[in-house]
Structures are given as structure tokens and as C-alpha cells.
Amino acid sequence: QHFFFANPTIFIVFKILLIAILSIVGIMYLFKKHKSIEVKTENERIELSRSKNFFKGFTLAALNPQLLPYWMFVMVYFNSIKFLELKSELDKFAYIFGAGLGAFLLLTSIILTINKFKPQILTYLNNKYYYKVLGILFIAISLQQLITLL
């Protein structure tokens, strides 16, 4: 965190990279071809054991490339505000525990919601304008970030 506070231009570089990535992803979605998503029946699915499913999900979450930079910036932001500063080991433990528990609860609620409303969600995903709207959304976010940078 001391490195980031000593070099504030790094935040600007990261913001420029974020704008570029969001713009590229948005353009890719604008030109992506629509493919309809088919729902597999229970007989067509390959059932894995619960431990394999847990390991697969844990591995995907642990290898999430956005995870480390996101929480690093949150920690730097917290330490820039005196009220939220992480001083003791207990503060750091509570921060890590809360972040992990929050991520777990968020992912669990997303899984439960998607399983409950799967047919309704698939109707939106099968819309021919889905990728266009997603691309416009990414480009709009990149433009908003560009405006805040200027």
C-alpha cells in the first residue's frame, strides 16, 4: 500500500488499462455471433460427486485473475481512510475473513438464484440482442471511466 501511495500515477495507468480492456471486450461482444443455448435434461448431464464439484469451484475461484488486484485496491482504499485503516492483526484477520465469507455467500446466492430461475434466465440469454446489449454496456462503462479520468 505504501508503494501505491508513493506512486499515484500507477492508479492512472491501471485506470487506462481498465478502459482499454472494457472497450475491447465491448467491441468483441458487439460483433459476436448469436448462438442459442440449449437446456440439457437431467439424463444428458454428467453428474460429478459433490467433492469434485466443490474442488472444481474452489479451483476456479482461487485462480480468478481479478481477485487479487480487486482486494488489493480495496485494502489500499481502506487504509487511505483513517476510520477504516487496518492496524492490528485482528483487523487484518477480520478483513480477510469477512471478504472470504462475503464472496462465499455471494456466489452461493447466485448459484441458488440461477438454479431457481433457470428457464427465465435462458430466455434472456437466448435473445438475439443479448451480446449487443452486453457490448454496449461494456463500452458505456469504459466511457464513464474515461470521463472520470479526464
N, C-alpha and C. Protein backbone atom coordinates (compact mmCIF):
# COMPACT_ATOMS: atom_id res chain seq x y z
N GLN A 1 0.83 -1.20 0.00
CA GLN A 1 0.00 0.00 0.00
C GLN A 1 0.86 1.25 0.00
N HIS A 2 2.02 1.19 0.69
CA HIS A 2 2.92 2.35 0.72
C HIS A 2 3.44 2.66 -0.69
N PHE A 3 3.67 1.61 -1.46
CA PHE A 3 4.14 1.79 -2.83
C PHE A 3 3.11 2.55 -3.66
N PHE A 4 1.83 2.19 -3.51
CA PHE A 4 0.77 2.84 -4.28
C PHE A 4 0.58 4.29 -3.86
N PHE A 5 0.69 4.56 -2.56
CA PHE A 5 0.56 5.94 -2.11
C PHE A 5 1.75 6.79 -2.55
N ALA A 6 2.94 6.18 -2.65
CA ALA A 6 4.12 6.91 -3.09
C ALA A 6 4.11 7.15 -4.60
N ASN A 7 3.40 6.30 -5.35
CA ASN A 7 3.36 6.40 -6.81
C ASN A 7 1.91 6.48 -7.31
N PRO A 8 1.28 7.63 -7.18
CA PRO A 8 -0.14 7.73 -7.58
C PRO A 8 -0.38 7.60 -9.09
N THR A 9 0.68 7.72 -9.89
CA THR A 9 0.49 7.57 -11.34
C THR A 9 0.15 6.13 -11.71
N ILE A 10 0.46 5.19 -10.83
CA ILE A 10 0.13 3.79 -11.11
C ILE A 10 -1.38 3.62 -11.18
N PHE A 11 -2.13 4.36 -10.33
CA PHE A 11 -3.59 4.30 -10.38
C PHE A 11 -4.10 4.76 -11.74
N ILE A 12 -3.48 5.78 -12.28
CA ILE A 12 -3.89 6.29 -13.60
C ILE A 12 -3.59 5.26 -14.68
N VAL A 13 -2.42 4.61 -14.59
CA VAL A 13 -2.07 3.57 -15.57
C VAL A 13 -3.07 2.42 -15.50
N PHE A 14 -3.41 1.99 -14.27
CA PHE A 14 -4.39 0.92 -14.12
C PHE A 14 -5.76 1.33 -14.67
N LYS A 15 -6.13 2.58 -14.49
CA LYS A 15 -7.42 3.05 -14.98
C LYS A 15 -7.42 3.07 -16.51
N ILE A 16 -6.31 3.48 -17.13
CA ILE A 16 -6.20 3.47 -18.58
C ILE A 16 -6.28 2.04 -19.11
N LEU A 17 -5.59 1.10 -18.43
CA LEU A 17 -5.67 -0.31 -18.83
C LEU A 17 -7.09 -0.84 -18.70
N LEU A 18 -7.77 -0.46 -17.64
CA LEU A 18 -9.16 -0.88 -17.43
C LEU A 18 -10.05 -0.36 -18.56
N ILE A 19 -9.87 0.89 -18.93
CA ILE A 19 -10.66 1.49 -20.02
C ILE A 19 -10.40 0.73 -21.32
N ALA A 20 -9.14 0.41 -21.60
CA ALA A 20 -8.81 -0.31 -22.83
C ALA A 20 -9.42 -1.71 -22.83
N ILE A 21 -9.31 -2.41 -21.71
CA ILE A 21 -9.86 -3.77 -21.63
C ILE A 21 -11.37 -3.76 -21.77
N LEU A 22 -12.04 -2.84 -21.09
CA LEU A 22 -13.50 -2.76 -21.19
C LEU A 22 -13.94 -2.43 -22.62
N SER A 23 -13.21 -1.55 -23.28
CA SER A 23 -13.55 -1.19 -24.66
C SER A 23 -13.37 -2.38 -25.60
N ILE A 24 -12.26 -3.11 -25.45
CA ILE A 24 -12.00 -4.28 -26.30
C ILE A 24 -13.07 -5.35 -26.09
N VAL A 25 -13.39 -5.63 -24.83
CA VAL A 25 -14.42 -6.63 -24.54
C VAL A 25 -15.77 -6.19 -25.11
N GLY A 26 -16.10 -4.91 -24.97
CA GLY A 26 -17.34 -4.40 -25.52
C GLY A 26 -17.42 -4.55 -27.02
N ILE A 27 -16.34 -4.23 -27.71
CA ILE A 27 -16.31 -4.36 -29.17
C ILE A 27 -16.42 -5.83 -29.57
N MET A 28 -15.76 -6.71 -28.82
CA MET A 28 -15.84 -8.15 -29.12
C MET A 28 -17.29 -8.64 -28.98
N TYR A 29 -17.99 -8.20 -27.94
CA TYR A 29 -19.38 -8.61 -27.77
C TYR A 29 -20.29 -8.01 -28.84
N LEU A 30 -20.00 -6.81 -29.29
CA LEU A 30 -20.83 -6.20 -30.34
C LEU A 30 -20.81 -7.03 -31.63
N PHE A 31 -19.66 -7.64 -31.92
CA PHE A 31 -19.52 -8.39 -33.17
C PHE A 31 -19.63 -9.89 -33.00
N LYS A 32 -19.93 -10.34 -31.79
CA LYS A 32 -20.05 -11.77 -31.54
C LYS A 32 -21.34 -12.32 -32.15
N LYS A 33 -21.25 -13.49 -32.75
CA LYS A 33 -22.41 -14.12 -33.38
C LYS A 33 -23.29 -14.75 -32.30
N HIS A 34 -24.60 -14.65 -32.49
CA HIS A 34 -25.55 -15.21 -31.52
C HIS A 34 -25.68 -16.72 -31.73
N LYS A 35 -25.53 -17.47 -30.63
CA LYS A 35 -25.76 -18.91 -30.65
C LYS A 35 -26.79 -19.21 -29.58
N SER A 36 -27.79 -19.98 -29.92
CA SER A 36 -28.82 -20.29 -28.95
C SER A 36 -28.31 -21.32 -27.95
N ILE A 37 -28.72 -21.16 -26.70
CA ILE A 37 -28.29 -22.03 -25.61
C ILE A 37 -29.37 -23.07 -25.38
N GLU A 38 -28.96 -24.33 -25.36
CA GLU A 38 -29.91 -25.41 -25.15
C GLU A 38 -29.84 -25.89 -23.71
N VAL A 39 -30.99 -26.21 -23.15
CA VAL A 39 -31.05 -26.74 -21.79
C VAL A 39 -30.92 -28.26 -21.87
N LYS A 40 -29.99 -28.81 -21.13
CA LYS A 40 -29.81 -30.26 -21.10
C LYS A 40 -30.74 -30.86 -20.06
N THR A 41 -31.28 -31.99 -20.38
CA THR A 41 -32.13 -32.69 -19.42
C THR A 41 -31.25 -33.36 -18.38
N GLU A 42 -31.88 -33.82 -17.33
CA GLU A 42 -31.13 -34.47 -16.25
C GLU A 42 -30.37 -35.68 -16.74
N ASN A 43 -30.92 -36.42 -17.71
CA ASN A 43 -30.25 -37.62 -18.24
C ASN A 43 -29.02 -37.28 -19.06
N GLU A 44 -29.00 -36.09 -19.66
CA GLU A 44 -27.88 -35.70 -20.52
C GLU A 44 -26.70 -35.14 -19.73
N ARG A 45 -26.94 -34.73 -18.50
CA ARG A 45 -25.88 -34.15 -17.69
C ARG A 45 -24.97 -35.22 -17.13
N ILE A 46 -23.71 -34.88 -17.04
CA ILE A 46 -22.76 -35.77 -16.39
C ILE A 46 -22.68 -35.35 -14.93
N GLU A 47 -23.08 -36.24 -14.05
CA GLU A 47 -23.10 -35.91 -12.63
C GLU A 47 -21.73 -36.20 -12.02
N LEU A 48 -21.18 -35.22 -11.38
CA LEU A 48 -19.93 -35.39 -10.65
C LEU A 48 -20.25 -35.50 -9.17
N SER A 49 -19.34 -36.07 -8.44
CA SER A 49 -19.57 -36.15 -7.00
C SER A 49 -19.47 -34.75 -6.40
N ARG A 50 -20.03 -34.61 -5.21
CA ARG A 50 -20.02 -33.29 -4.56
C ARG A 50 -18.59 -32.81 -4.30
N SER A 51 -17.70 -33.70 -3.93
CA SER A 51 -16.32 -33.28 -3.65
C SER A 51 -15.63 -32.80 -4.93
N LYS A 52 -15.90 -33.44 -6.06
CA LYS A 52 -15.32 -32.98 -7.33
C LYS A 52 -15.90 -31.62 -7.72
N ASN A 53 -17.22 -31.45 -7.53
CA ASN A 53 -17.83 -30.16 -7.82
C ASN A 53 -17.24 -29.07 -6.94
N PHE A 54 -17.07 -29.37 -5.64
CA PHE A 54 -16.50 -28.39 -4.72
C PHE A 54 -15.08 -28.04 -5.14
N PHE A 55 -14.27 -29.05 -5.45
CA PHE A 55 -12.88 -28.81 -5.85
C PHE A 55 -12.81 -28.00 -7.13
N LYS A 56 -13.69 -28.31 -8.08
CA LYS A 56 -13.72 -27.57 -9.35
C LYS A 56 -14.07 -26.10 -9.10
N GLY A 57 -15.10 -25.86 -8.30
CA GLY A 57 -15.49 -24.49 -7.98
C GLY A 57 -14.43 -23.76 -7.19
N PHE A 58 -13.82 -24.43 -6.22
CA PHE A 58 -12.76 -23.81 -5.42
C PHE A 58 -11.57 -23.44 -6.30
N THR A 59 -11.20 -24.34 -7.21
CA THR A 59 -10.06 -24.08 -8.10
C THR A 59 -10.34 -22.89 -9.01
N LEU A 60 -11.55 -22.84 -9.58
CA LEU A 60 -11.91 -21.72 -10.44
C LEU A 60 -11.91 -20.41 -9.67
N ALA A 61 -12.42 -20.42 -8.45
CA ALA A 61 -12.44 -19.20 -7.64
C ALA A 61 -11.03 -18.79 -7.23
N ALA A 62 -10.19 -19.75 -6.89
CA ALA A 62 -8.82 -19.44 -6.45
C ALA A 62 -7.97 -18.91 -7.60
N LEU A 63 -8.25 -19.36 -8.81
CA LEU A 63 -7.47 -18.92 -9.97
C LEU A 63 -8.07 -17.70 -10.65
N ASN A 64 -9.06 -17.08 -10.01
CA ASN A 64 -9.70 -15.89 -10.58
C ASN A 64 -8.66 -14.77 -10.67
N PRO A 65 -8.31 -14.33 -11.88
CA PRO A 65 -7.26 -13.32 -12.01
C PRO A 65 -7.68 -11.94 -11.51
N GLN A 66 -8.97 -11.70 -11.35
CA GLN A 66 -9.43 -10.39 -10.88
C GLN A 66 -9.41 -10.29 -9.37
N LEU A 67 -9.34 -11.41 -8.68
CA LEU A 67 -9.50 -11.44 -7.23
C LEU A 67 -8.41 -10.65 -6.50
N LEU A 68 -7.16 -10.96 -6.78
CA LEU A 68 -6.06 -10.31 -6.07
C LEU A 68 -6.00 -8.81 -6.30
N PRO A 69 -6.04 -8.32 -7.56
CA PRO A 69 -6.00 -6.87 -7.74
C PRO A 69 -7.19 -6.15 -7.10
N TYR A 70 -8.37 -6.76 -7.17
CA TYR A 70 -9.55 -6.11 -6.59
C TYR A 70 -9.39 -5.92 -5.09
N TRP A 71 -9.07 -6.98 -4.38
CA TRP A 71 -8.96 -6.87 -2.92
C TRP A 71 -7.74 -6.06 -2.51
N MET A 72 -6.69 -6.05 -3.34
CA MET A 72 -5.53 -5.21 -3.04
C MET A 72 -5.93 -3.73 -3.10
N PHE A 73 -6.70 -3.35 -4.12
CA PHE A 73 -7.13 -1.96 -4.23
C PHE A 73 -8.13 -1.60 -3.15
N VAL A 74 -8.97 -2.53 -2.76
CA VAL A 74 -9.90 -2.27 -1.66
C VAL A 74 -9.11 -2.03 -0.38
N MET A 75 -8.08 -2.84 -0.14
CA MET A 75 -7.27 -2.66 1.07
C MET A 75 -6.53 -1.32 1.05
N VAL A 76 -6.00 -0.95 -0.09
CA VAL A 76 -5.33 0.35 -0.20
C VAL A 76 -6.33 1.47 0.05
N TYR A 77 -7.53 1.34 -0.51
CA TYR A 77 -8.56 2.35 -0.30
C TYR A 77 -8.94 2.44 1.18
N PHE A 78 -9.13 1.28 1.81
CA PHE A 78 -9.46 1.26 3.23
C PHE A 78 -8.39 1.97 4.06
N ASN A 79 -7.13 1.72 3.74
CA ASN A 79 -6.04 2.32 4.52
C ASN A 79 -5.86 3.80 4.21
N SER A 80 -6.49 4.29 3.16
CA SER A 80 -6.41 5.73 2.88
C SER A 80 -7.43 6.51 3.70
N ILE A 81 -8.38 5.80 4.32
CA ILE A 81 -9.39 6.43 5.18
C ILE A 81 -9.07 6.04 6.62
N LYS A 82 -8.81 7.02 7.45
CA LYS A 82 -8.36 6.75 8.82
C LYS A 82 -9.33 5.86 9.58
N PHE A 83 -10.63 6.04 9.38
CA PHE A 83 -11.64 5.26 10.10
C PHE A 83 -11.58 3.78 9.74
N LEU A 84 -11.21 3.45 8.49
CA LEU A 84 -11.20 2.07 8.02
C LEU A 84 -9.81 1.43 8.00
N GLU A 85 -8.83 2.11 8.53
CA GLU A 85 -7.45 1.63 8.48
C GLU A 85 -7.30 0.29 9.20
N LEU A 86 -6.57 -0.63 8.57
CA LEU A 86 -6.30 -1.94 9.15
C LEU A 86 -4.99 -1.85 9.94
N LYS A 87 -5.09 -1.79 11.25
CA LYS A 87 -3.90 -1.60 12.07
C LYS A 87 -3.42 -2.89 12.71
N SER A 88 -4.27 -3.56 13.43
CA SER A 88 -3.86 -4.74 14.19
C SER A 88 -4.02 -6.01 13.37
N GLU A 89 -3.46 -7.08 13.90
CA GLU A 89 -3.60 -8.38 13.26
C GLU A 89 -5.06 -8.83 13.27
N LEU A 90 -5.80 -8.47 14.32
CA LEU A 90 -7.21 -8.81 14.40
C LEU A 90 -8.00 -8.09 13.30
N ASP A 91 -7.65 -6.83 13.04
CA ASP A 91 -8.29 -6.09 11.94
C ASP A 91 -8.05 -6.79 10.61
N LYS A 92 -6.81 -7.21 10.38
CA LYS A 92 -6.47 -7.88 9.12
C LYS A 92 -7.19 -9.22 9.00
N PHE A 93 -7.25 -9.98 10.11
CA PHE A 93 -7.96 -11.25 10.09
C PHE A 93 -9.44 -11.04 9.81
N ALA A 94 -10.04 -10.05 10.47
CA ALA A 94 -11.47 -9.77 10.26
C ALA A 94 -11.72 -9.36 8.81
N TYR A 95 -10.82 -8.58 8.24
CA TYR A 95 -10.96 -8.15 6.84
C TYR A 95 -10.92 -9.36 5.90
N ILE A 96 -9.93 -10.23 6.09
CA ILE A 96 -9.79 -11.42 5.23
C ILE A 96 -10.97 -12.36 5.43
N PHE A 97 -11.36 -12.59 6.68
CA PHE A 97 -12.49 -13.48 6.96
C PHE A 97 -13.79 -12.92 6.37
N GLY A 98 -14.01 -11.64 6.55
CA GLY A 98 -15.22 -11.01 6.02
C GLY A 98 -15.26 -11.03 4.50
N ALA A 99 -14.11 -10.78 3.86
CA ALA A 99 -14.06 -10.81 2.40
C ALA A 99 -14.33 -12.21 1.88
N GLY A 100 -13.74 -13.21 2.52
CA GLY A 100 -13.96 -14.60 2.10
C GLY A 100 -15.39 -15.05 2.32
N LEU A 101 -15.94 -14.74 3.50
CA LEU A 101 -17.31 -15.11 3.80
C LEU A 101 -18.29 -14.40 2.87
N GLY A 102 -18.04 -13.13 2.62
CA GLY A 102 -18.91 -12.37 1.70
C GLY A 102 -18.88 -12.94 0.30
N ALA A 103 -17.70 -13.29 -0.20
CA ALA A 103 -17.58 -13.87 -1.54
C ALA A 103 -18.30 -15.22 -1.60
N PHE A 104 -18.14 -16.02 -0.54
CA PHE A 104 -18.81 -17.32 -0.50
C PHE A 104 -20.33 -17.15 -0.51
N LEU A 105 -20.85 -16.26 0.31
CA LEU A 105 -22.29 -16.05 0.37
C LEU A 105 -22.83 -15.48 -0.95
N LEU A 106 -22.06 -14.58 -1.57
CA LEU A 106 -22.48 -14.03 -2.86
C LEU A 106 -22.56 -15.11 -3.92
N LEU A 107 -21.52 -15.94 -4.04
CA LEU A 107 -21.52 -17.00 -5.05
C LEU A 107 -22.60 -18.03 -4.77
N THR A 108 -22.82 -18.36 -3.50
CA THR A 108 -23.88 -19.31 -3.14
C THR A 108 -25.25 -18.76 -3.52
N SER A 109 -25.48 -17.48 -3.23
CA SER A 109 -26.78 -16.89 -3.57
C SER A 109 -26.98 -16.81 -5.08
N ILE A 110 -25.92 -16.57 -5.83
CA ILE A 110 -26.01 -16.55 -7.29
C ILE A 110 -26.36 -17.94 -7.82
N ILE A 111 -25.71 -18.97 -7.29
CA ILE A 111 -26.00 -20.35 -7.72
C ILE A 111 -27.45 -20.71 -7.42
N LEU A 112 -27.92 -20.41 -6.22
CA LEU A 112 -29.29 -20.75 -5.85
C LEU A 112 -30.31 -19.98 -6.70
N THR A 113 -30.02 -18.71 -6.96
CA THR A 113 -30.93 -17.90 -7.77
C THR A 113 -30.98 -18.40 -9.21
N ILE A 114 -29.83 -18.73 -9.77
CA ILE A 114 -29.80 -19.21 -11.16
C ILE A 114 -30.51 -20.55 -11.27
N ASN A 115 -30.30 -21.44 -10.30
CA ASN A 115 -30.99 -22.73 -10.35
C ASN A 115 -32.50 -22.56 -10.24
N LYS A 116 -32.95 -21.60 -9.45
CA LYS A 116 -34.39 -21.40 -9.26
C LYS A 116 -35.04 -20.79 -10.50
N PHE A 117 -34.36 -19.85 -11.13
CA PHE A 117 -34.95 -19.11 -12.26
C PHE A 117 -34.29 -19.45 -13.60
N LYS A 118 -33.80 -20.67 -13.75
CA LYS A 118 -33.07 -21.06 -14.96
C LYS A 118 -33.87 -20.86 -16.25
N PRO A 119 -35.14 -21.27 -16.33
CA PRO A 119 -35.87 -21.06 -17.60
C PRO A 119 -36.01 -19.58 -17.97
N GLN A 120 -36.30 -18.73 -16.98
CA GLN A 120 -36.45 -17.30 -17.26
C GLN A 120 -35.12 -16.69 -17.69
N ILE A 121 -34.04 -17.10 -17.05
CA ILE A 121 -32.72 -16.57 -17.40
C ILE A 121 -32.33 -16.99 -18.81
N LEU A 122 -32.63 -18.24 -19.16
CA LEU A 122 -32.27 -18.72 -20.50
C LEU A 122 -33.04 -18.00 -21.60
N THR A 123 -34.26 -17.54 -21.31
CA THR A 123 -34.98 -16.77 -22.33
C THR A 123 -34.26 -15.46 -22.63
N TYR A 124 -33.67 -14.84 -21.60
CA TYR A 124 -32.91 -13.61 -21.83
C TYR A 124 -31.59 -13.90 -22.55
N LEU A 125 -30.94 -15.00 -22.18
CA LEU A 125 -29.67 -15.34 -22.81
C LEU A 125 -29.85 -15.76 -24.26
N ASN A 126 -31.01 -16.28 -24.61
CA ASN A 126 -31.28 -16.70 -25.99
C ASN A 126 -31.78 -15.56 -26.86
N ASN A 127 -31.89 -14.37 -26.31
CA ASN A 127 -32.31 -13.21 -27.08
C ASN A 127 -31.20 -12.85 -28.07
N LYS A 128 -31.59 -12.55 -29.32
CA LYS A 128 -30.57 -12.25 -30.35
C LYS A 128 -29.82 -10.94 -30.10
N TYR A 129 -30.36 -10.08 -29.23
CA TYR A 129 -29.70 -8.81 -28.92
C TYR A 129 -28.87 -8.87 -27.63
N TYR A 130 -28.77 -10.03 -27.01
CA TYR A 130 -28.08 -10.16 -25.72
C TYR A 130 -26.63 -9.67 -25.80
N TYR A 131 -25.88 -10.18 -26.79
CA TYR A 131 -24.48 -9.79 -26.90
C TYR A 131 -24.31 -8.33 -27.30
N LYS A 132 -25.23 -7.81 -28.09
CA LYS A 132 -25.17 -6.39 -28.46
C LYS A 132 -25.35 -5.50 -27.24
N VAL A 133 -26.35 -5.84 -26.41
CA VAL A 133 -26.60 -5.05 -25.19
C VAL A 133 -25.41 -5.16 -24.24
N LEU A 134 -24.84 -6.36 -24.12
CA LEU A 134 -23.68 -6.55 -23.26
C LEU A 134 -22.49 -5.74 -23.76
N GLY A 135 -22.28 -5.73 -25.07
CA GLY A 135 -21.19 -4.95 -25.65
C GLY A 135 -21.38 -3.46 -25.42
N ILE A 136 -22.60 -2.97 -25.60
CA ILE A 136 -22.90 -1.55 -25.35
C ILE A 136 -22.67 -1.20 -23.88
N LEU A 137 -23.04 -2.13 -22.99
CA LEU A 137 -22.84 -1.91 -21.55
C LEU A 137 -21.35 -1.78 -21.22
N PHE A 138 -20.52 -2.66 -21.75
CA PHE A 138 -19.08 -2.58 -21.50
C PHE A 138 -18.49 -1.28 -22.07
N ILE A 139 -18.92 -0.89 -23.24
CA ILE A 139 -18.42 0.35 -23.84
C ILE A 139 -18.89 1.55 -23.04
N ALA A 140 -20.13 1.53 -22.54
CA ALA A 140 -20.64 2.63 -21.72
C ALA A 140 -19.85 2.75 -20.42
N ILE A 141 -19.51 1.61 -19.81
CA ILE A 141 -18.70 1.65 -18.58
C ILE A 141 -17.31 2.20 -18.88
N SER A 142 -16.74 1.81 -20.02
CA SER A 142 -15.40 2.32 -20.35
C SER A 142 -15.45 3.83 -20.63
N LEU A 143 -16.53 4.30 -21.26
CA LEU A 143 -16.68 5.75 -21.49
C LEU A 143 -16.86 6.50 -20.17
N GLN A 144 -17.62 5.91 -19.26
CA GLN A 144 -17.81 6.54 -17.94
C GLN A 144 -16.47 6.63 -17.21
N GLN A 145 -15.65 5.58 -17.29
CA GLN A 145 -14.33 5.59 -16.66
C GLN A 145 -13.42 6.62 -17.33
N LEU A 146 -13.53 6.76 -18.64
CA LEU A 146 -12.74 7.75 -19.37
C LEU A 146 -13.12 9.16 -18.94
N ILE A 147 -14.41 9.41 -18.78
CA ILE A 147 -14.88 10.73 -18.35
C ILE A 147 -14.38 11.06 -16.94
N THR A 148 -14.41 10.07 -16.04
CA THR A 148 -13.92 10.33 -14.68
C THR A 148 -12.40 10.51 -14.66
N LEU A 149 -11.70 9.91 -15.62
CA LEU A 149 -10.24 10.07 -15.70
C LEU A 149 -9.87 11.48 -16.17
N LEU A 150 -10.67 12.02 -17.09
CA LEU A 150 -10.39 13.36 -17.62
C LEU A 150 -10.86 14.38 -16.63
